[in-house]
All heavy atoms as atom14 arrays in JSON, in Angstrom:
{
  "sequence": "YEHEAEYLANRQRWARSHNKNYQRKYNMVTRNRNT",
  "atom14_mask": [
    [1, 1, 1, 1, 1, 1, 1, 1, 1, 1, 1, 1, 0, 0],
    [1, 1, 1, 1, 1, 1, 1, 1, 1, 0, 0, 0, 0, 0],
    [1, 1, 1, 1, 1, 1, 1, 1, 1, 1, 0, 0, 0, 0],
    [1, 1, 1, 1, 1, 1, 1, 1, 1, 0, 0, 0, 0, 0],
    [1, 1, 1, 1, 1, 0, 0, 0, 0, 0, 0, 0, 0, 0],
    [1, 1, 1, 1, 1, 1, 1, 1, 1, 0, 0, 0, 0, 0],
    [1, 1, 1, 1, 1, 1, 1, 1, 1, 1, 1, 1, 0, 0],
    [1, 1, 1, 1, 1, 1, 1, 1, 0, 0, 0, 0, 0, 0],
    [1, 1, 1, 1, 1, 0, 0, 0, 0, 0, 0, 0, 0, 0],
    [1, 1, 1, 1, 1, 1, 1, 1, 0, 0, 0, 0, 0, 0],
    [1, 1, 1, 1, 1, 1, 1, 1, 1, 1, 1, 0, 0, 0],
    [1, 1, 1, 1, 1, 1, 1, 1, 1, 0, 0, 0, 0, 0],
    [1, 1, 1, 1, 1, 1, 1, 1, 1, 1, 1, 0, 0, 0],
    [1, 1, 1, 1, 1, 1, 1, 1, 1, 1, 1, 1, 1, 1],
    [1, 1, 1, 1, 1, 0, 0, 0, 0, 0, 0, 0, 0, 0],
    [1, 1, 1, 1, 1, 1, 1, 1, 1, 1, 1, 0, 0, 0],
    [1, 1, 1, 1, 1, 1, 0, 0, 0, 0, 0, 0, 0, 0],
    [1, 1, 1, 1, 1, 1, 1, 1, 1, 1, 0, 0, 0, 0],
    [1, 1, 1, 1, 1, 1, 1, 1, 0, 0, 0, 0, 0, 0],
    [1, 1, 1, 1, 1, 1, 1, 1, 1, 0, 0, 0, 0, 0],
    [1, 1, 1, 1, 1, 1, 1, 1, 0, 0, 0, 0, 0, 0],
    [1, 1, 1, 1, 1, 1, 1, 1, 1, 1, 1, 1, 0, 0],
    [1, 1, 1, 1, 1, 1, 1, 1, 1, 0, 0, 0, 0, 0],
    [1, 1, 1, 1, 1, 1, 1, 1, 1, 1, 1, 0, 0, 0],
    [1, 1, 1, 1, 1, 1, 1, 1, 1, 0, 0, 0, 0, 0],
    [1, 1, 1, 1, 1, 1, 1, 1, 1, 1, 1, 1, 0, 0],
    [1, 1, 1, 1, 1, 1, 1, 1, 0, 0, 0, 0, 0, 0],
    [1, 1, 1, 1, 1, 1, 1, 1, 0, 0, 0, 0, 0, 0],
    [1, 1, 1, 1, 1, 1, 1, 0, 0, 0, 0, 0, 0, 0],
    [1, 1, 1, 1, 1, 1, 1, 0, 0, 0, 0, 0, 0, 0],
    [1, 1, 1, 1, 1, 1, 1, 1, 1, 1, 1, 0, 0, 0],
    [1, 1, 1, 1, 1, 1, 1, 1, 0, 0, 0, 0, 0, 0],
    [1, 1, 1, 1, 1, 1, 1, 1, 1, 1, 1, 0, 0, 0],
    [1, 1, 1, 1, 1, 1, 1, 1, 0, 0, 0, 0, 0, 0],
    [1, 1, 1, 1, 1, 1, 1, 0, 0, 0, 0, 0, 0, 0]
  ],
  "atom14_positions": [
    [[15.27, -30.12, -10.88], [16.23, -28.94, -10.62], [16.94, -28.42, -11.85], [17.34, -27.19, -11.77], [17.39, -29.51, -9.74], [18.17, -28.36, -9.07], [17.52, -27.57, -8.0], [19.44, -28.0, -9.5], [18.29, -26.58, -7.54], [20.1, -27.01, -8.97], [19.39, -26.19, -7.9], [20.28, -25.19, -7.36], [0.0, 0.0, 0.0], [0.0, 0.0, 0.0]],
    [[16.91, -29.23, -12.95], [17.45, -28.69, -14.22], [16.72, -27.39, -14.74], [17.16, -26.66, -15.56], [17.39, -29.74, -15.31], [16.07, -30.14, -15.87], [15.35, -31.19, -15.09], [15.95, -31.74, -14.05], [14.36, -31.82, -15.6], [0.0, 0.0, 0.0], [0.0, 0.0, 0.0], [0.0, 0.0, 0.0], [0.0, 0.0, 0.0], [0.0, 0.0, 0.0]],
    [[15.53, -27.13, -14.28], [14.79, -25.85, -14.66], [15.16, -24.73, -13.81], [14.74, -23.58, -14.23], [13.2, -26.22, -14.5], [12.83, -27.4, -15.44], [12.73, -27.23, -16.72], [12.4, -28.58, -14.99], [12.26, -28.33, -17.22], [12.04, -29.28, -16.21], [0.0, 0.0, 0.0], [0.0, 0.0, 0.0], [0.0, 0.0, 0.0], [0.0, 0.0, 0.0]],
    [[15.91, -24.88, -12.75], [16.22, -23.8, -11.8], [16.96, -22.73, -12.48], [16.66, -21.5, -12.44], [17.0, -24.26, -10.62], [17.4, -23.31, -9.54], [16.21, -23.0, -8.64], [15.31, -23.86, -8.6], [16.27, -21.96, -7.99], [0.0, 0.0, 0.0], [0.0, 0.0, 0.0], [0.0, 0.0, 0.0], [0.0, 0.0, 0.0], [0.0, 0.0, 0.0]],
    [[18.04, -23.08, -13.23], [18.92, -21.98, -13.95], [18.08, -21.23, -14.93], [18.19, -20.04, -14.93], [20.12, -22.64, -14.62], [0.0, 0.0, 0.0], [0.0, 0.0, 0.0], [0.0, 0.0, 0.0], [0.0, 0.0, 0.0], [0.0, 0.0, 0.0], [0.0, 0.0, 0.0], [0.0, 0.0, 0.0], [0.0, 0.0, 0.0], [0.0, 0.0, 0.0]],
    [[17.3, -21.95, -15.67], [16.39, -21.24, -16.62], [15.45, -20.22, -16.09], [15.29, -19.13, -16.47], [15.7, -22.29, -17.45], [14.77, -21.6, -18.56], [13.94, -22.73, -19.27], [14.14, -23.86, -19.04], [13.05, -22.36, -20.06], [0.0, 0.0, 0.0], [0.0, 0.0, 0.0], [0.0, 0.0, 0.0], [0.0, 0.0, 0.0], [0.0, 0.0, 0.0]],
    [[14.88, -20.62, -14.84], [13.91, -19.92, -14.16], [14.56, -18.63, -13.69], [14.17, -17.48, -13.82], [13.29, -20.62, -13.03], [12.42, -19.79, -12.16], [11.1, -19.51, -12.47], [12.75, -19.42, -10.9], [10.27, -18.72, -11.72], [11.99, -18.74, -10.07], [10.75, -18.3, -10.49], [9.93, -17.55, -9.85], [0.0, 0.0, 0.0], [0.0, 0.0, 0.0]],
    [[15.79, -18.76, -12.93], [16.54, -17.6, -12.48], [16.9, -16.64, -13.57], [16.84, -15.49, -13.44], [17.72, -18.06, -11.65], [17.39, -18.8, -10.33], [18.65, -19.41, -9.65], [16.53, -17.91, -9.43], [0.0, 0.0, 0.0], [0.0, 0.0, 0.0], [0.0, 0.0, 0.0], [0.0, 0.0, 0.0], [0.0, 0.0, 0.0], [0.0, 0.0, 0.0]],
    [[17.36, -17.22, -14.71], [17.8, -16.39, -15.83], [16.57, -15.55, -16.32], [16.66, -14.36, -16.67], [18.36, -17.16, -16.96], [0.0, 0.0, 0.0], [0.0, 0.0, 0.0], [0.0, 0.0, 0.0], [0.0, 0.0, 0.0], [0.0, 0.0, 0.0], [0.0, 0.0, 0.0], [0.0, 0.0, 0.0], [0.0, 0.0, 0.0], [0.0, 0.0, 0.0]],
    [[15.38, -16.1, -16.49], [14.19, -15.29, -16.89], [13.77, -14.34, -15.95], [13.4, -13.26, -16.31], [13.02, -16.39, -17.02], [13.02, -17.24, -18.31], [13.83, -16.83, -19.27], [12.49, -18.32, -18.3], [0.0, 0.0, 0.0], [0.0, 0.0, 0.0], [0.0, 0.0, 0.0], [0.0, 0.0, 0.0], [0.0, 0.0, 0.0], [0.0, 0.0, 0.0]],
    [[13.94, -14.51, -14.63], [13.7, -13.56, -13.61], [14.62, -12.35, -13.77], [14.27, -11.3, -13.62], [13.72, -14.2, -12.16], [12.51, -15.01, -11.73], [12.68, -15.47, -10.4], [12.68, -14.26, -9.49], [12.71, -14.49, -8.12], [12.63, -15.67, -7.65], [12.72, -13.4, -7.33], [0.0, 0.0, 0.0], [0.0, 0.0, 0.0], [0.0, 0.0, 0.0]],
    [[15.87, -12.67, -13.91], [16.88, -11.49, -14.09], [16.64, -10.77, -15.29], [16.74, -9.44, -15.32], [18.27, -12.24, -13.98], [18.66, -12.7, -12.6], [20.07, -13.22, -12.66], [20.7, -13.51, -13.7], [20.63, -13.39, -11.45], [0.0, 0.0, 0.0], [0.0, 0.0, 0.0], [0.0, 0.0, 0.0], [0.0, 0.0, 0.0], [0.0, 0.0, 0.0]],
    [[16.33, -11.49, -16.4], [16.01, -10.78, -17.7], [14.82, -9.93, -17.44], [14.81, -8.76, -18.01], [15.71, -11.87, -18.7], [15.78, -11.29, -20.13], [15.6, -12.37, -21.22], [16.49, -13.48, -21.15], [15.93, -14.81, -20.8], [14.7, -15.04, -20.78], [16.81, -15.81, -20.62], [0.0, 0.0, 0.0], [0.0, 0.0, 0.0], [0.0, 0.0, 0.0]],
    [[13.77, -10.41, -16.84], [12.58, -9.57, -16.61], [12.87, -8.31, -15.77], [12.51, -7.1, -16.09], [11.48, -10.35, -15.89], [10.28, -9.59, -15.73], [9.24, -9.55, -16.48], [9.88, -8.76, -14.52], [8.26, -8.78, -16.11], [8.54, -8.23, -14.88], [10.57, -8.33, -13.45], [7.97, -7.35, -13.91], [9.93, -7.55, -12.43], [8.62, -7.02, -12.82]],
    [[13.73, -8.58, -14.62], [14.1, -7.46, -13.81], [14.94, -6.31, -14.52], [14.65, -5.11, -14.26], [14.96, -8.0, -12.57], [0.0, 0.0, 0.0], [0.0, 0.0, 0.0], [0.0, 0.0, 0.0], [0.0, 0.0, 0.0], [0.0, 0.0, 0.0], [0.0, 0.0, 0.0], [0.0, 0.0, 0.0], [0.0, 0.0, 0.0], [0.0, 0.0, 0.0]],
    [[15.78, -6.72, -15.38], [16.64, -5.85, -16.25], [15.75, -4.99, -17.2], [15.93, -3.9, -17.45], [17.7, -6.54, -16.84], [18.86, -6.78, -16.01], [20.1, -7.22, -16.98], [19.87, -8.48, -17.63], [20.15, -9.71, -17.17], [20.68, -9.85, -15.94], [19.88, -10.67, -17.88], [0.0, 0.0, 0.0], [0.0, 0.0, 0.0], [0.0, 0.0, 0.0]],
    [[14.7, -5.75, -17.73], [13.9, -5.08, -18.79], [12.92, -4.14, -18.21], [12.44, -3.13, -18.85], [13.13, -6.1, -19.61], [12.19, -6.72, -18.77], [0.0, 0.0, 0.0], [0.0, 0.0, 0.0], [0.0, 0.0, 0.0], [0.0, 0.0, 0.0], [0.0, 0.0, 0.0], [0.0, 0.0, 0.0], [0.0, 0.0, 0.0], [0.0, 0.0, 0.0]],
    [[12.61, -4.21, -16.86], [11.68, -3.33, -16.19], [12.59, -2.32, -15.27], [13.19, -2.85, -14.27], [10.69, -4.01, -15.28], [9.7, -4.73, -16.18], [9.88, -6.01, -16.67], [8.38, -4.39, -16.42], [8.88, -6.39, -17.41], [7.97, -5.5, -17.3], [0.0, 0.0, 0.0], [0.0, 0.0, 0.0], [0.0, 0.0, 0.0], [0.0, 0.0, 0.0]],
    [[12.62, -1.08, -15.59], [13.38, -0.23, -14.9], [12.86, 0.01, -13.42], [11.86, -0.43, -13.14], [13.62, 1.14, -15.6], [12.18, 1.82, -15.82], [11.23, 1.44, -15.12], [12.3, 2.75, -16.66], [0.0, 0.0, 0.0], [0.0, 0.0, 0.0], [0.0, 0.0, 0.0], [0.0, 0.0, 0.0], [0.0, 0.0, 0.0], [0.0, 0.0, 0.0]],
    [[13.69, 0.77, -12.66], [13.33, 0.94, -11.2], [12.05, 1.69, -11.07], [11.45, 1.68, -9.96], [14.51, 1.55, -10.56], [15.69, 0.69, -10.42], [16.9, 1.25, -9.57], [17.89, 0.31, -9.47], [19.01, 0.85, -8.71], [0.0, 0.0, 0.0], [0.0, 0.0, 0.0], [0.0, 0.0, 0.0], [0.0, 0.0, 0.0], [0.0, 0.0, 0.0]],
    [[11.56, 2.55, -12.08], [10.36, 3.3, -11.86], [9.27, 2.35, -11.75], [8.25, 2.64, -11.1], [10.16, 4.07, -13.19], [11.12, 5.33, -13.16], [11.54, 5.72, -12.04], [11.32, 5.87, -14.3], [0.0, 0.0, 0.0], [0.0, 0.0, 0.0], [0.0, 0.0, 0.0], [0.0, 0.0, 0.0], [0.0, 0.0, 0.0], [0.0, 0.0, 0.0]],
    [[9.32, 1.05, -12.25], [8.24, 0.11, -12.12], [7.94, -0.14, -10.58], [6.86, -0.26, -10.14], [8.61, -1.15, -12.88], [7.51, -2.34, -12.7], [6.4, -2.28, -13.35], [7.72, -3.3, -11.67], [5.47, -3.25, -13.21], [6.82, -4.3, -11.4], [5.71, -4.32, -12.22], [4.79, -5.19, -12.05], [0.0, 0.0, 0.0], [0.0, 0.0, 0.0]],
    [[9.03, -0.36, -9.86], [8.97, -0.67, -8.5], [8.39, 0.6, -7.73], [7.52, 0.36, -6.76], [10.43, -0.93, -7.9], [11.01, -2.1, -8.53], [10.37, -3.49, -8.24], [9.65, -3.66, -7.26], [10.5, -4.31, -9.24], [0.0, 0.0, 0.0], [0.0, 0.0, 0.0], [0.0, 0.0, 0.0], [0.0, 0.0, 0.0], [0.0, 0.0, 0.0]],
    [[8.66, 1.83, -8.18], [8.14, 3.03, -7.43], [6.54, 3.15, -7.76], [5.85, 3.77, -6.94], [8.87, 4.23, -7.99], [10.27, 4.22, -7.32], [10.96, 5.47, -7.55], [12.38, 5.39, -7.29], [13.34, 5.75, -8.01], [13.08, 6.33, -9.07], [14.55, 5.57, -7.73], [0.0, 0.0, 0.0], [0.0, 0.0, 0.0], [0.0, 0.0, 0.0]],
    [[6.11, 2.72, -8.89], [4.72, 2.94, -9.27], [3.84, 2.03, -8.34], [2.71, 2.39, -8.24], [4.56, 2.56, -10.71], [5.04, 3.71, -11.65], [4.89, 3.24, -13.07], [5.56, 4.28, -14.01], [5.44, 3.77, -15.32], [0.0, 0.0, 0.0], [0.0, 0.0, 0.0], [0.0, 0.0, 0.0], [0.0, 0.0, 0.0], [0.0, 0.0, 0.0]],
    [[4.33, 0.93, -7.94], [3.49, -0.01, -7.24], [2.95, 0.63, -5.98], [3.67, 1.07, -5.09], [4.31, -1.29, -6.89], [3.5, -2.41, -6.19], [2.61, -3.1, -6.86], [3.64, -2.55, -4.84], [1.74, -3.96, -6.18], [2.87, -3.48, -4.18], [2.02, -4.25, -4.84], [1.27, -5.21, -4.23], [0.0, 0.0, 0.0], [0.0, 0.0, 0.0]],
    [[1.64, 0.62, -5.75], [0.87, 1.16, -4.56], [1.29, 2.63, -4.25], [1.07, 2.86, -3.08], [1.28, 0.23, -3.41], [0.26, 0.41, -2.35], [-0.9, 0.63, -2.56], [0.69, 0.22, -1.03], [0.0, 0.0, 0.0], [0.0, 0.0, 0.0], [0.0, 0.0, 0.0], [0.0, 0.0, 0.0], [0.0, 0.0, 0.0], [0.0, 0.0, 0.0]],
    [[1.55, 3.29, -5.22], [1.79, 4.79, -5.05], [0.47, 5.45, -5.51], [0.39, 5.87, -6.8], [3.0, 5.27, -5.69], [4.26, 4.75, -5.03], [4.4, 5.19, -3.34], [4.9, 6.99, -3.44], [0.0, 0.0, 0.0], [0.0, 0.0, 0.0], [0.0, 0.0, 0.0], [0.0, 0.0, 0.0], [0.0, 0.0, 0.0], [0.0, 0.0, 0.0]],
    [[-0.52, 5.63, -4.71], [-1.69, 6.09, -5.13], [-1.95, 7.51, -4.47], [-1.11, 7.93, -3.49], [-3.01, 5.29, -4.91], [-2.91, 4.06, -5.71], [-3.08, 4.97, -3.5], [0.0, 0.0, 0.0], [0.0, 0.0, 0.0], [0.0, 0.0, 0.0], [0.0, 0.0, 0.0], [0.0, 0.0, 0.0], [0.0, 0.0, 0.0], [0.0, 0.0, 0.0]],
    [[-2.84, 8.3, -4.9], [-3.04, 9.69, -4.42], [-3.29, 9.76, -2.93], [-3.23, 10.88, -2.38], [-3.92, 10.35, -5.31], [-5.27, 9.67, -5.24], [-3.49, 10.61, -6.72], [0.0, 0.0, 0.0], [0.0, 0.0, 0.0], [0.0, 0.0, 0.0], [0.0, 0.0, 0.0], [0.0, 0.0, 0.0], [0.0, 0.0, 0.0], [0.0, 0.0, 0.0]],
    [[-3.6, 8.74, -2.32], [-4.11, 8.79, -0.91], [-2.88, 9.3, -0.06], [-3.07, 9.78, 1.16], [-4.63, 7.6, -0.42], [-3.55, 6.45, -0.34], [-4.07, 5.18, 0.18], [-3.24, 4.03, 0.02], [-3.59, 2.89, -0.59], [-4.76, 2.78, -0.94], [-2.71, 1.96, -0.74], [0.0, 0.0, 0.0], [0.0, 0.0, 0.0], [0.0, 0.0, 0.0]],
    [[-1.6, 9.21, -0.54], [-0.45, 9.65, 0.3], [0.06, 11.07, -0.09], [1.1, 11.48, 0.45], [0.73, 8.6, 0.12], [0.45, 7.27, 0.7], [-0.17, 7.24, 1.77], [0.87, 6.2, 0.05], [0.0, 0.0, 0.0], [0.0, 0.0, 0.0], [0.0, 0.0, 0.0], [0.0, 0.0, 0.0], [0.0, 0.0, 0.0], [0.0, 0.0, 0.0]],
    [[-0.65, 11.7, -0.94], [-0.12, 12.94, -1.41], [-0.18, 14.16, -0.32], [0.59, 15.02, -0.29], [-0.84, 13.4, -2.75], [-0.53, 12.52, -3.79], [0.34, 13.14, -4.93], [0.79, 12.16, -5.77], [0.24, 11.98, -7.03], [-0.72, 12.79, -7.45], [0.8, 11.06, -7.84], [0.0, 0.0, 0.0], [0.0, 0.0, 0.0], [0.0, 0.0, 0.0]],
    [[-1.27, 14.16, 0.36], [-1.24, 15.23, 1.43], [-1.17, 14.56, 2.76], [-1.52, 13.34, 3.02], [-2.59, 16.18, 1.33], [-3.84, 15.42, 1.6], [-3.86, 14.55, 2.64], [-4.93, 15.93, 0.91], [0.0, 0.0, 0.0], [0.0, 0.0, 0.0], [0.0, 0.0, 0.0], [0.0, 0.0, 0.0], [0.0, 0.0, 0.0], [0.0, 0.0, 0.0]],
    [[-0.77, 15.4, 3.82], [-0.42, 14.87, 5.07], [-1.67, 14.2, 5.86], [-1.64, 13.27, 6.46], [0.21, 15.94, 6.01], [-0.62, 17.08, 6.1], [1.44, 16.32, 5.49], [0.0, 0.0, 0.0], [0.0, 0.0, 0.0], [0.0, 0.0, 0.0], [0.0, 0.0, 0.0], [0.0, 0.0, 0.0], [0.0, 0.0, 0.0], [0.0, 0.0, 0.0]]
  ]
}
């Protein structure tokens, strides 16, 4: 369990370093562009 805090801190650090555009890019391919 002593590794839990370090793991959570690394996850938060990663999330802060990747802006929200990263989340939007995931699975947004051209197949959804026209109706």
